[in-house]
């Protein structure tokens, strides 16, 4: 006997549930995926782009050496058998220009010189982003150790005309600055501190590497006007200056006494 196929309709099922109390299972649909809200980083809506914060460039470092004890010899070659050119002063800095074995290479009295690494530590400070300023400073490195001579013959007359009698074996404070700026950047500084102070842009705070710092001194502090000016030095950073005063050219920290004599600075570059 053939079985008759029956088609059960939804309406028939509903009627059956009404009579029997049976509950028709609920129809389920696929749940839509919920997305996190879009945060617009930059650009207009519909054209979102994600940006990464720019990384600040790291300043290049100038490296120096300083001796850890007094009486350390500065030698003409990388070894204790080479002639001593002088002795390094504790607390001052010398430019680090390389290394040969256990000896640091530097400059001293316009000559390549060496100091034993056993008696040194390295000091770093930020370089200027301006290559001209670093070139000026590099000329000063070579002159470290050169004897101070008051009134030493200038490299030029203030207008770039070379003067006879000039020598790199003697500088006073303003002649050293004039020499450095001329050789390093081709800039003509005037012949003494009381004329150089009128050059460039005046700055009092926020000193930058390469700025010229002007000071009075014990013999001029009671004068008025420009006659108070008695010394000039170049600021390097971290309270260090390159200058020459009474003994020889050196890099050292500005003392409390010298700060008390400070007048102003001039930015040449």
Foldseek 3Di string as FASTA:
>chain_A
DDDDDDDDDPVNVVVVCVVPVDDDDDDDDDDDDDDDDDDADDDDPPDGDDDDDDDDDDFDKFKWKFFQDWDFFKFQDDDPVGDGPGTGDHQFIAGFPDDDVQWTWTAEQQHIIITGVVGIDMDIDGDDPDQLLVLLVVLLNNFFHQWEDPPADAQAAQVPHGDPPHDSNYHAFQSSSQVSNCRRPVDRAHDDPLRNVPAAAWDADPDDFFKKWWFFDPVQCPPDDSSRTDHIWTDHDPQWTFGDDDTGTTIHGQDPVRVVGTDTIHDND
